[in-house]
């Protein structure tokens, strides 16, 4: 049997390379809306982050999400993402 290739992605917070299933995808839709993409199928430009609130803090401090998504991200969006990541980590 052939072994399947596991897609790897880098976290924008800690820059660790992990499998795509271990990371959360944050997507900027064509309309400019930023949201969490738990399935990984939403259309738009995406960035991956660990399910750890510390990684989001690192990404926010270095403006890595803004660079990756190529747009400005307001503080309320970061707060909403932090709440969603904390709820995902609790699962």
PDB file of N, CA and C in Angstrom:
ATOM      1  N   UNK A   1       0.822  -1.193   0.000  1.00  0.00           N
ATOM      2  CA  UNK A   1       0.000   0.000   0.000  1.00  0.00           C
ATOM      3  C   UNK A   1       0.862   1.250   0.000  1.00  0.00           C
ATOM      4  N   UNK A   2       0.393   2.263  -0.708  1.00  0.00           N
ATOM      5  CA  UNK A   2       1.104   3.535  -0.729  1.00  0.00           C
ATOM      6  C   UNK A   2       0.792   4.324   0.527  1.00  0.00           C
ATOM      7  N   UNK A   3       1.792   5.002   1.048  1.00  0.00           N
ATOM      8  CA  UNK A   3       1.547   5.878   2.188  1.00  0.00           C
ATOM      9  C   UNK A   3       1.116   7.247   1.657  1.00  0.00           C
ATOM     10  N   UNK A   4       0.140   7.822   2.334  1.00  0.00           N
ATOM     11  CA  UNK A   4      -0.365   9.126   1.915  1.00  0.00           C
ATOM     12  C   UNK A   4       0.555  10.235   2.399  1.00  0.00           C
ATOM     13  N   UNK A   5       0.723  11.228   1.567  1.00  0.00           N
ATOM     14  CA  UNK A   5       1.515  12.393   1.934  1.00  0.00           C
ATOM     15  C   UNK A   5       0.687  13.264   2.878  1.00  0.00           C
ATOM     16  N   UNK A   6       1.271  13.648   3.996  1.00  0.00           N
ATOM     17  CA  UNK A   6       0.591  14.501   4.974  1.00  0.00           C
ATOM     18  C   UNK A   6       0.966  15.953   4.682  1.00  0.00           C
ATOM     19  N   UNK A   7      -0.029  16.806   4.371  1.00  0.00           N
ATOM     20  CA  UNK A   7       0.288  18.205   4.100  1.00  0.00           C
ATOM     21  C   UNK A   7       0.783  18.920   5.360  1.00  0.00           C
ATOM     22  N   UNK A   8       1.892  19.624   5.238  1.00  0.00           N
ATOM     23  CA  UNK A   8       2.488  20.342   6.356  1.00  0.00           C
ATOM     24  C   UNK A   8       2.321  21.845   6.131  1.00  0.00           C
ATOM     25  N   UNK A   9       2.085  22.557   7.223  1.00  0.00           N
ATOM     26  CA  UNK A   9       1.943  24.014   7.193  1.00  0.00           C
ATOM     27  C   UNK A   9       2.729  24.603   8.362  1.00  0.00           C
ATOM     28  N   UNK A  10       3.092  25.873   8.245  1.00  0.00           N
ATOM     29  CA  UNK A  10       3.828  26.561   9.308  1.00  0.00           C
ATOM     30  C   UNK A  10       2.900  27.469  10.087  1.00  0.00           C
ATOM     31  N   UNK A  11       3.041  27.458  11.407  1.00  0.00           N
ATOM     32  CA  UNK A  11       2.286  28.350  12.273  1.00  0.00           C
ATOM     33  C   UNK A  11       2.874  29.758  12.140  1.00  0.00           C
ATOM     34  N   UNK A  12       2.018  30.769  11.993  1.00  0.00           N
ATOM     35  CA  UNK A  12       2.514  32.138  11.874  1.00  0.00           C
ATOM     36  C   UNK A  12       2.992  32.685  13.217  1.00  0.00           C
ATOM     37  N   UNK A  13       2.601  32.046  14.308  1.00  0.00           N
ATOM     38  CA  UNK A  13       3.019  32.496  15.634  1.00  0.00           C
ATOM     39  C   UNK A  13       4.395  31.979  16.021  1.00  0.00           C
ATOM     40  N   UNK A  14       4.514  30.658  16.090  1.00  0.00           N
ATOM     41  CA  UNK A  14       5.773  30.051  16.547  1.00  0.00           C
ATOM     42  C   UNK A  14       6.640  29.548  15.396  1.00  0.00           C
ATOM     43  N   UNK A  15       6.162  29.616  14.176  1.00  0.00           N
ATOM     44  CA  UNK A  15       6.825  29.183  12.947  1.00  0.00           C
ATOM     45  C   UNK A  15       7.177  27.691  12.934  1.00  0.00           C
ATOM     46  N   UNK A  16       6.539  26.905  13.787  1.00  0.00           N
ATOM     47  CA  UNK A  16       6.757  25.460  13.791  1.00  0.00           C
ATOM     48  C   UNK A  16       5.983  24.836  12.634  1.00  0.00           C
ATOM     49  N   UNK A  17       6.575  23.844  12.004  1.00  0.00           N
ATOM     50  CA  UNK A  17       5.920  23.139  10.922  1.00  0.00           C
ATOM     51  C   UNK A  17       5.174  21.936  11.478  1.00  0.00           C
ATOM     52  N   UNK A  18       3.864  21.912  11.245  1.00  0.00           N
ATOM     53  CA  UNK A  18       3.021  20.834  11.759  1.00  0.00           C
ATOM     54  C   UNK A  18       2.089  20.374  10.656  1.00  0.00           C
ATOM     55  N   UNK A  19       1.417  19.246  10.899  1.00  0.00           N
ATOM     56  CA  UNK A  19       0.460  18.777   9.901  1.00  0.00           C
ATOM     57  C   UNK A  19      -0.717  19.736   9.840  1.00  0.00           C
ATOM     58  N   UNK A  20      -1.335  19.795   8.682  1.00  0.00           N
ATOM     59  CA  UNK A  20      -2.436  20.727   8.443  1.00  0.00           C
ATOM     60  C   UNK A  20      -3.591  20.520   9.424  1.00  0.00           C
ATOM     61  N   UNK A  21      -3.833  19.282   9.840  1.00  0.00           N
ATOM     62  CA  UNK A  21      -4.939  18.985  10.749  1.00  0.00           C
ATOM     63  C   UNK A  21      -4.688  19.494  12.161  1.00  0.00           C
ATOM     64  N   UNK A  22      -3.431  19.656  12.551  1.00  0.00           N
ATOM     65  CA  UNK A  22      -3.105  20.125  13.897  1.00  0.00           C
ATOM     66  C   UNK A  22      -3.282  21.629  14.047  1.00  0.00           C
ATOM     67  N   UNK A  23      -3.325  22.358  12.945  1.00  0.00           N
ATOM     68  CA  UNK A  23      -3.375  23.817  12.979  1.00  0.00           C
ATOM     69  C   UNK A  23      -4.765  24.335  12.637  1.00  0.00           C
ATOM     70  N   UNK A  24      -5.042  25.555  13.054  1.00  0.00           N
ATOM     71  CA  UNK A  24      -6.289  26.241  12.703  1.00  0.00           C
ATOM     72  C   UNK A  24      -6.010  27.189  11.543  1.00  0.00           C
ATOM     73  N   UNK A  25      -6.950  27.295  10.637  1.00  0.00           N
ATOM     74  CA  UNK A  25      -6.790  28.189   9.496  1.00  0.00           C
ATOM     75  C   UNK A  25      -7.585  29.461   9.744  1.00  0.00           C
ATOM     76  N   UNK A  26      -6.939  30.581   9.551  1.00  0.00           N
ATOM     77  CA  UNK A  26      -7.590  31.884   9.618  1.00  0.00           C
ATOM     78  C   UNK A  26      -7.626  32.381   8.178  1.00  0.00           C
ATOM     79  N   UNK A  27      -8.800  32.772   7.731  1.00  0.00           N
ATOM     80  CA  UNK A  27      -8.971  33.104   6.320  1.00  0.00           C
ATOM     81  C   UNK A  27      -9.510  34.523   6.145  1.00  0.00           C
ATOM     82  N   UNK A  28      -9.013  35.184   5.094  1.00  0.00           N
ATOM     83  CA  UNK A  28      -9.552  36.477   4.678  1.00  0.00           C
ATOM     84  C   UNK A  28     -10.344  36.206   3.406  1.00  0.00           C
ATOM     85  N   UNK A  29     -11.643  36.394   3.491  1.00  0.00           N
ATOM     86  CA  UNK A  29     -12.526  36.107   2.359  1.00  0.00           C
ATOM     87  C   UNK A  29     -12.305  37.141   1.258  1.00  0.00           C
ATOM     88  N   UNK A  30     -12.778  36.842   0.053  1.00  0.00           N
ATOM     89  CA  UNK A  30     -12.657  37.827  -1.032  1.00  0.00           C
ATOM     90  C   UNK A  30     -13.334  39.163  -0.714  1.00  0.00           C
ATOM     91  N   UNK A  31     -14.326  39.143   0.206  1.00  0.00           N
ATOM     92  CA  UNK A  31     -15.001  40.379   0.615  1.00  0.00           C
ATOM     93  C   UNK A  31     -14.203  41.134   1.673  1.00  0.00           C
ATOM     94  N   UNK A  32     -13.147  40.526   2.221  1.00  0.00           N
ATOM     95  CA  UNK A  32     -12.310  41.179   3.221  1.00  0.00           C
ATOM     96  C   UNK A  32     -12.622  40.785   4.648  1.00  0.00           C
ATOM     97  N   UNK A  33     -13.558  39.869   4.856  1.00  0.00           N
ATOM     98  CA  UNK A  33     -13.923  39.430   6.201  1.00  0.00           C
ATOM     99  C   UNK A  33     -12.915  38.396   6.706  1.00  0.00           C
ATOM    100  N   UNK A  34     -12.496  38.546   7.956  1.00  0.00           N
ATOM    101  CA  UNK A  34     -11.534  37.624   8.557  1.00  0.00           C
ATOM    102  C   UNK A  34     -12.268  36.724   9.527  1.00  0.00           C
ATOM    103  N   UNK A  35     -12.053  35.408   9.374  1.00  0.00           N
ATOM    104  CA  UNK A  35     -12.734  34.451  10.237  1.00  0.00           C
ATOM    105  C   UNK A  35     -11.884  33.202  10.418  1.00  0.00           C
ATOM    106  N   UNK A  36     -12.292  32.402  11.389  1.00  0.00           N
ATOM    107  CA  UNK A  36     -11.649  31.127  11.656  1.00  0.00           C
ATOM    108  C   UNK A  36     -12.277  30.088  10.740  1.00  0.00           C
ATOM    109  N   UNK A  37     -11.445  29.242  10.146  1.00  0.00           N
ATOM    110  CA  UNK A  37     -11.922  28.225   9.215  1.00  0.00           C
ATOM    111  C   UNK A  37     -11.585  26.843   9.771  1.00  0.00           C
ATOM    112  N   UNK A  38     -12.472  26.260  10.592  1.00  0.00           N
ATOM    113  CA  UNK A  38     -12.155  24.979  11.221  1.00  0.00           C
ATOM    114  C   UNK A  38     -12.057  23.818  10.236  1.00  0.00           C
ATOM    115  N   UNK A  39     -12.758  23.899   9.097  1.00  0.00           N
ATOM    116  CA  UNK A  39     -12.748  22.811   8.124  1.00  0.00           C
ATOM    117  C   UNK A  39     -11.582  22.960   7.140  1.00  0.00           C
ATOM    118  N   UNK A  40     -11.164  24.188   6.873  1.00  0.00           N
ATOM    119  CA  UNK A  40     -10.058  24.428   5.950  1.00  0.00           C
ATOM    120  C   UNK A  40     -10.479  24.482   4.498  1.00  0.00           C
ATOM    121  N   UNK A  41     -11.754  24.751   4.233  1.00  0.00           N
ATOM    122  CA  UNK A  41     -12.260  24.742   2.861  1.00  0.00           C
ATOM    123  C   UNK A  41     -12.803  26.084   2.388  1.00  0.00           C
ATOM    124  N   UNK A  42     -12.841  27.092   3.265  1.00  0.00           N
ATOM    125  CA  UNK A  42     -13.397  28.386   2.868  1.00  0.00           C
ATOM    126  C   UNK A  42     -12.519  29.024   1.798  1.00  0.00           C
ATOM    127  N   UNK A  43     -13.128  29.718   0.842  1.00  0.00           N
ATOM    128  CA  UNK A  43     -12.330  30.403  -0.172  1.00  0.00           C
ATOM    129  C   UNK A  43     -11.686  31.655   0.401  1.00  0.00           C
ATOM    130  N   UNK A  44     -10.506  31.958  -0.075  1.00  0.00           N
ATOM    131  CA  UNK A  44      -9.812  33.163   0.361  1.00  0.00           C
ATOM    132  C   UNK A  44      -8.384  32.876   0.743  1.00  0.00           C
ATOM    133  N   UNK A  45      -7.706  33.913   1.158  1.00  0.00           N
ATOM    134  CA  UNK A  45      -6.300  33.804   1.552  1.00  0.00           C
ATOM    135  C   UNK A  45      -6.235  33.319   2.991  1.00  0.00           C
ATOM    136  N   UNK A  46      -5.431  32.300   3.249  1.00  0.00           N
ATOM    137  CA  UNK A  46      -5.388  31.706   4.571  1.00  0.00           C
ATOM    138  C   UNK A  46      -4.037  31.769   5.235  1.00  0.00           C
ATOM    139  N   UNK A  47      -4.063  31.678   6.553  1.00  0.00           N
ATOM    140  CA  UNK A  47      -2.865  31.591   7.382  1.00  0.00           C
ATOM    141  C   UNK A  47      -3.152  30.545   8.450  1.00  0.00           C
ATOM    142  N   UNK A  48      -2.137  29.847   8.878  1.00  0.00           N
ATOM    143  CA  UNK A  48      -2.311  28.774   9.853  1.00  0.00           C
ATOM    144  C   UNK A  48      -1.680  29.159  11.172  1.00  0.00           C
ATOM    145  N   UNK A  49      -2.338  28.719  12.268  1.00  0.00           N
ATOM    146  CA  UNK A  49      -1.853  29.030  13.604  1.00  0.00           C
ATOM    147  C   UNK A  49      -2.142  27.848  14.519  1.00  0.00           C
ATOM    148  N   UNK A  50      -1.264  27.630  15.508  1.00  0.00           N
ATOM    149  CA  UNK A  50      -1.460  26.555  16.480  1.00  0.00           C
ATOM    150  C   UNK A  50      -2.710  26.827  17.309  1.00  0.00           C
ATOM    151  N   UNK A  51      -3.209  25.794  17.955  1.00  0.00           N
ATOM    152  CA  UNK A  51      -4.381  25.943  18.825  1.00  0.00           C
ATOM    153  C   UNK A  51      -3.966  26.444  20.202  1.00  0.00           C
ATOM    154  N   UNK A  52      -2.987  27.310  20.242  1.00  0.00           N
ATOM    155  CA  UNK A  52      -2.430  27.824  21.482  1.00  0.00           C
ATOM    156  C   UNK A  52      -2.579  29.349  21.504  1.00  0.00           C
ATOM    157  N   UNK A  53      -3.191  29.905  22.552  1.00  0.00           N
ATOM    158  CA  UNK A  53      -3.329  31.364  22.614  1.00  0.00           C
ATOM    159  C   UNK A  53      -1.990  32.114  22.586  1.00  0.00           C
ATOM    160  N   UNK A  54      -0.911  31.471  23.053  1.00  0.00           N
ATOM    161  CA  UNK A  54       0.407  32.111  23.030  1.00  0.00           C
ATOM    162  C   UNK A  54       0.876  32.367  21.602  1.00  0.00           C
ATOM    163  N   UNK A  55       0.559  31.451  20.685  1.00  0.00           N
ATOM    164  CA  UNK A  55       0.938  31.640  19.287  1.00  0.00           C
ATOM    165  C   UNK A  55       0.210  32.835  18.688  1.00  0.00           C
ATOM    166  N   UNK A  56      -1.055  33.025  19.059  1.00  0.00           N
ATOM    167  CA  UNK A  56      -1.798  34.186  18.579  1.00  0.00           C
ATOM    168  C   UNK A  56      -1.186  35.475  19.124  1.00  0.00           C
ATOM    169  N   UNK A  57      -0.735  35.461  20.380  1.00  0.00           N
ATOM    170  CA  UNK A  57      -0.086  36.642  20.955  1.00  0.00           C
ATOM    171  C   UNK A  57       1.195  36.983  20.204  1.00  0.00           C
ATOM    172  N   UNK A  58       1.993  35.953  19.872  1.00  0.00           N
ATOM    173  CA  UNK A  58       3.234  36.174  19.122  1.00  0.00           C
ATOM    174  C   UNK A  58       2.929  36.721  17.727  1.00  0.00           C
ATOM    175  N   UNK A  59       1.915  36.149  17.089  1.00  0.00           N
ATOM    176  CA  UNK A  59       1.543  36.606  15.750  1.00  0.00           C
ATOM    177  C   UNK A  59       1.037  38.046  15.778  1.00  0.00           C
ATOM    178  N   UNK A  60       0.298  38.390  16.834  1.00  0.00           N
ATOM    179  CA  UNK A  60      -0.229  39.753  16.968  1.00  0.00           C
ATOM    180  C   UNK A  60       0.898  40.741  17.225  1.00  0.00           C
ATOM    181  N   UNK A  61       1.832  40.370  18.081  1.00  0.00           N
ATOM    182  CA  UNK A  61       2.938  41.265  18.421  1.00  0.00           C
ATOM    183  C   UNK A  61       3.806  41.568  17.198  1.00  0.00           C
ATOM    184  N   UNK A  62       4.082  40.552  16.399  1.00  0.00           N
ATOM    185  CA  UNK A  62       4.919  40.738  15.220  1.00  0.00           C
ATOM    186  C   UNK A  62       4.153  41.100  13.959  1.00  0.00           C
ATOM    187  N   UNK A  63       2.832  41.294  14.073  1.00  0.00           N
ATOM    188  CA  UNK A  63       1.957  41.598  12.940  1.00  0.00           C
ATOM    189  C   UNK A  63       2.108  40.561  11.825  1.00  0.00           C
ATOM    190  N   UNK A  64       2.310  39.302  12.221  1.00  0.00           N
ATOM    191  CA  UNK A  64       2.526  38.238  11.251  1.00  0.00           C
ATOM    192  C   UNK A  64       1.248  37.856  10.516  1.00  0.00           C
ATOM    193  N   UNK A  65       0.109  37.920  11.204  1.00  0.00           N
ATOM    194  CA  UNK A  65      -1.160  37.627  10.525  1.00  0.00           C
ATOM    195  C   UNK A  65      -1.460  38.684   9.471  1.00  0.00           C
ATOM    196  N   UNK A  66      -1.176  39.930   9.785  1.00  0.00           N
ATOM    197  CA  UNK A  66      -1.420  41.013   8.835  1.00  0.00           C
ATOM    198  C   UNK A  66      -0.554  40.841   7.596  1.00  0.00           C
ATOM    199  N   UNK A  67       0.688  40.426   7.787  1.00  0.00           N
ATOM    200  CA  UNK A  67       1.583  40.207   6.652  1.00  0.00           C
ATOM    201  C   UNK A  67       1.124  39.014   5.829  1.00  0.00           C
ATOM    202  N   UNK A  68       0.711  37.962   6.497  1.00  0.00           N
ATOM    203  CA  UNK A  68       0.307  36.746   5.807  1.00  0.00           C
ATOM    204  C   UNK A  68      -1.016  36.916   5.060  1.00  0.00           C
ATOM    205  N   UNK A  69      -1.962  37.610   5.674  1.00  0.00           N
ATOM    206  CA  UNK A  69      -3.274  37.816   5.049  1.00  0.00           C
ATOM    207  C   UNK A  69      -3.324  39.056   4.158  1.00  0.00           C
ATOM    208  N   UNK A  70      -2.260  39.842   4.187  1.00  0.00           N
ATOM    209  CA  UNK A  70      -2.122  41.041   3.356  1.00  0.00           C
ATOM    210  C   UNK A  70      -3.245  42.049   3.581  1.00  0.00           C
ATOM    211  N   UNK A  71      -3.566  42.311   4.868  1.00  0.00           N
ATOM    212  CA  UNK A  71      -4.574  43.315   5.203  1.00  0.00           C
ATOM    213  C   UNK A  71      -4.379  43.765   6.646  1.00  0.00           C
ATOM    214  N   UNK A  72      -5.015  44.886   6.988  1.00  0.00           N
ATOM    215  CA  UNK A  72      -4.988  45.377   8.357  1.00  0.00           C
ATOM    216  C   UNK A  72      -5.997  44.586   9.194  1.00  0.00           C
ATOM    217  N   UNK A  73      -5.617  44.262  10.429  1.00  0.00           N
ATOM    218  CA  UNK A  73      -6.503  43.530  11.322  1.00  0.00           C
ATOM    219  C   UNK A  73      -6.706  44.368  12.573  1.00  0.00           C
ATOM    220  N   UNK A  74      -7.966  44.653  12.893  1.00  0.00           N
ATOM    221  CA  UNK A  74      -8.260  45.501  14.049  1.00  0.00           C
ATOM    222  C   UNK A  74      -8.188  44.696  15.345  1.00  0.00           C
ATOM    223  N   UNK A  75      -8.157  45.415  16.468  1.00  0.00           N
ATOM    224  CA  UNK A  75      -8.029  44.781  17.785  1.00  0.00           C
ATOM    225  C   UNK A  75      -9.238  43.915  18.108  1.00  0.00           C
ATOM    226  N   UNK A  76     -10.440  44.338  17.694  1.00  0.00           N
ATOM    227  CA  UNK A  76     -11.625  43.534  18.001  1.00  0.00           C
ATOM    228  C   UNK A  76     -11.617  42.196  17.260  1.00  0.00           C
ATOM    229  N   UNK A  77     -11.032  42.161  16.076  1.00  0.00           N
ATOM    230  CA  UNK A  77     -10.911  40.889  15.341  1.00  0.00           C
ATOM    231  C   UNK A  77      -9.934  39.970  16.060  1.00  0.00           C
ATOM    232  N   UNK A  78      -8.821  40.526  16.560  1.00  0.00           N
ATOM    233  CA  UNK A  78      -7.868  39.715  17.328  1.00  0.00           C
ATOM    234  C   UNK A  78      -8.527  39.156  18.587  1.00  0.00           C
ATOM    235  N   UNK A  79      -9.341  39.988  19.249  1.00  0.00           N
ATOM    236  CA  UNK A  79     -10.034  39.526  20.454  1.00  0.00           C
ATOM    237  C   UNK A  79     -11.003  38.397  20.133  1.00  0.00           C
ATOM    238  N   UNK A  80     -11.740  38.540  19.024  1.00  0.00           N
ATOM    239  CA  UNK A  80     -12.674  37.497  18.613  1.00  0.00           C
ATOM    240  C   UNK A  80     -11.938  36.198  18.262  1.00  0.00           C
ATOM    241  N   UNK A  81     -10.797  36.323  17.584  1.00  0.00           N
ATOM    242  CA  UNK A  81      -9.996  35.150  17.244  1.00  0.00           C
ATOM    243  C   UNK A  81      -9.457  34.477  18.506  1.00  0.00           C
ATOM    244  N   UNK A  82      -9.057  35.282  19.495  1.00  0.00           N
ATOM    245  CA  UNK A  82      -8.558  34.725  20.753  1.00  0.00           C
ATOM    246  C   UNK A  82      -9.641  33.927  21.467  1.00  0.00           C
ATOM    247  N   UNK A  83     -10.869  34.458  21.477  1.00  0.00           N
ATOM    248  CA  UNK A  83     -11.989  33.740  22.098  1.00  0.00           C
ATOM    249  C   UNK A  83     -12.263  32.426  21.374  1.00  0.00           C
ATOM    250  N   UNK A  84     -12.235  32.447  20.041  1.00  0.00           N
ATOM    251  CA  UNK A  84     -12.506  31.243  19.269  1.00  0.00           C
ATOM    252  C   UNK A  84     -11.394  30.210  19.447  1.00  0.00           C
ATOM    253  N   UNK A  85     -10.151  30.653  19.516  1.00  0.00           N
ATOM    254  CA  UNK A  85      -9.034  29.726  19.701  1.00  0.00           C
ATOM    255  C   UNK A  85      -9.097  29.095  21.093  1.00  0.00           C
ATOM    256  N   UNK A  86      -9.440  29.887  22.106  1.00  0.00           N
ATOM    257  CA  UNK A  86      -9.571  29.351  23.448  1.00  0.00           C
ATOM    258  C   UNK A  86     -10.705  28.332  23.519  1.00  0.00           C
ATOM    259  N   UNK A  87     -11.815  28.588  22.812  1.00  0.00           N
ATOM    260  CA  UNK A  87     -12.912  27.619  22.813  1.00  0.00           C
ATOM    261  C   UNK A  87     -12.531  26.363  22.037  1.00  0.00           C
ATOM    262  N   UNK A  88     -11.740  26.503  20.963  1.00  0.00           N
ATOM    263  CA  UNK A  88     -11.255  25.339  20.198  1.00  0.00           C
ATOM    264  C   UNK A  88     -10.285  24.517  21.036  1.00  0.00           C
ATOM    265  N   UNK A  89      -9.428  25.199  21.806  1.00  0.00           N
ATOM    266  CA  UNK A  89      -8.450  24.502  22.644  1.00  0.00           C
ATOM    267  C   UNK A  89      -9.137  23.743  23.759  1.00  0.00           C
ATOM    268  N   UNK A  90     -10.294  24.223  24.199  1.00  0.00           N
ATOM    269  CA  UNK A  90     -11.045  23.569  25.266  1.00  0.00           C
ATOM    270  C   UNK A  90     -11.734  22.287  24.842  1.00  0.00           C
ATOM    271  N   UNK A  91     -11.877  22.084  23.536  1.00  0.00           N
ATOM    272  CA  UNK A  91     -12.577  20.898  23.024  1.00  0.00           C
ATOM    273  C   UNK A  91     -11.758  19.644  23.161  1.00  0.00           C
TER     274      UNK A  91
END
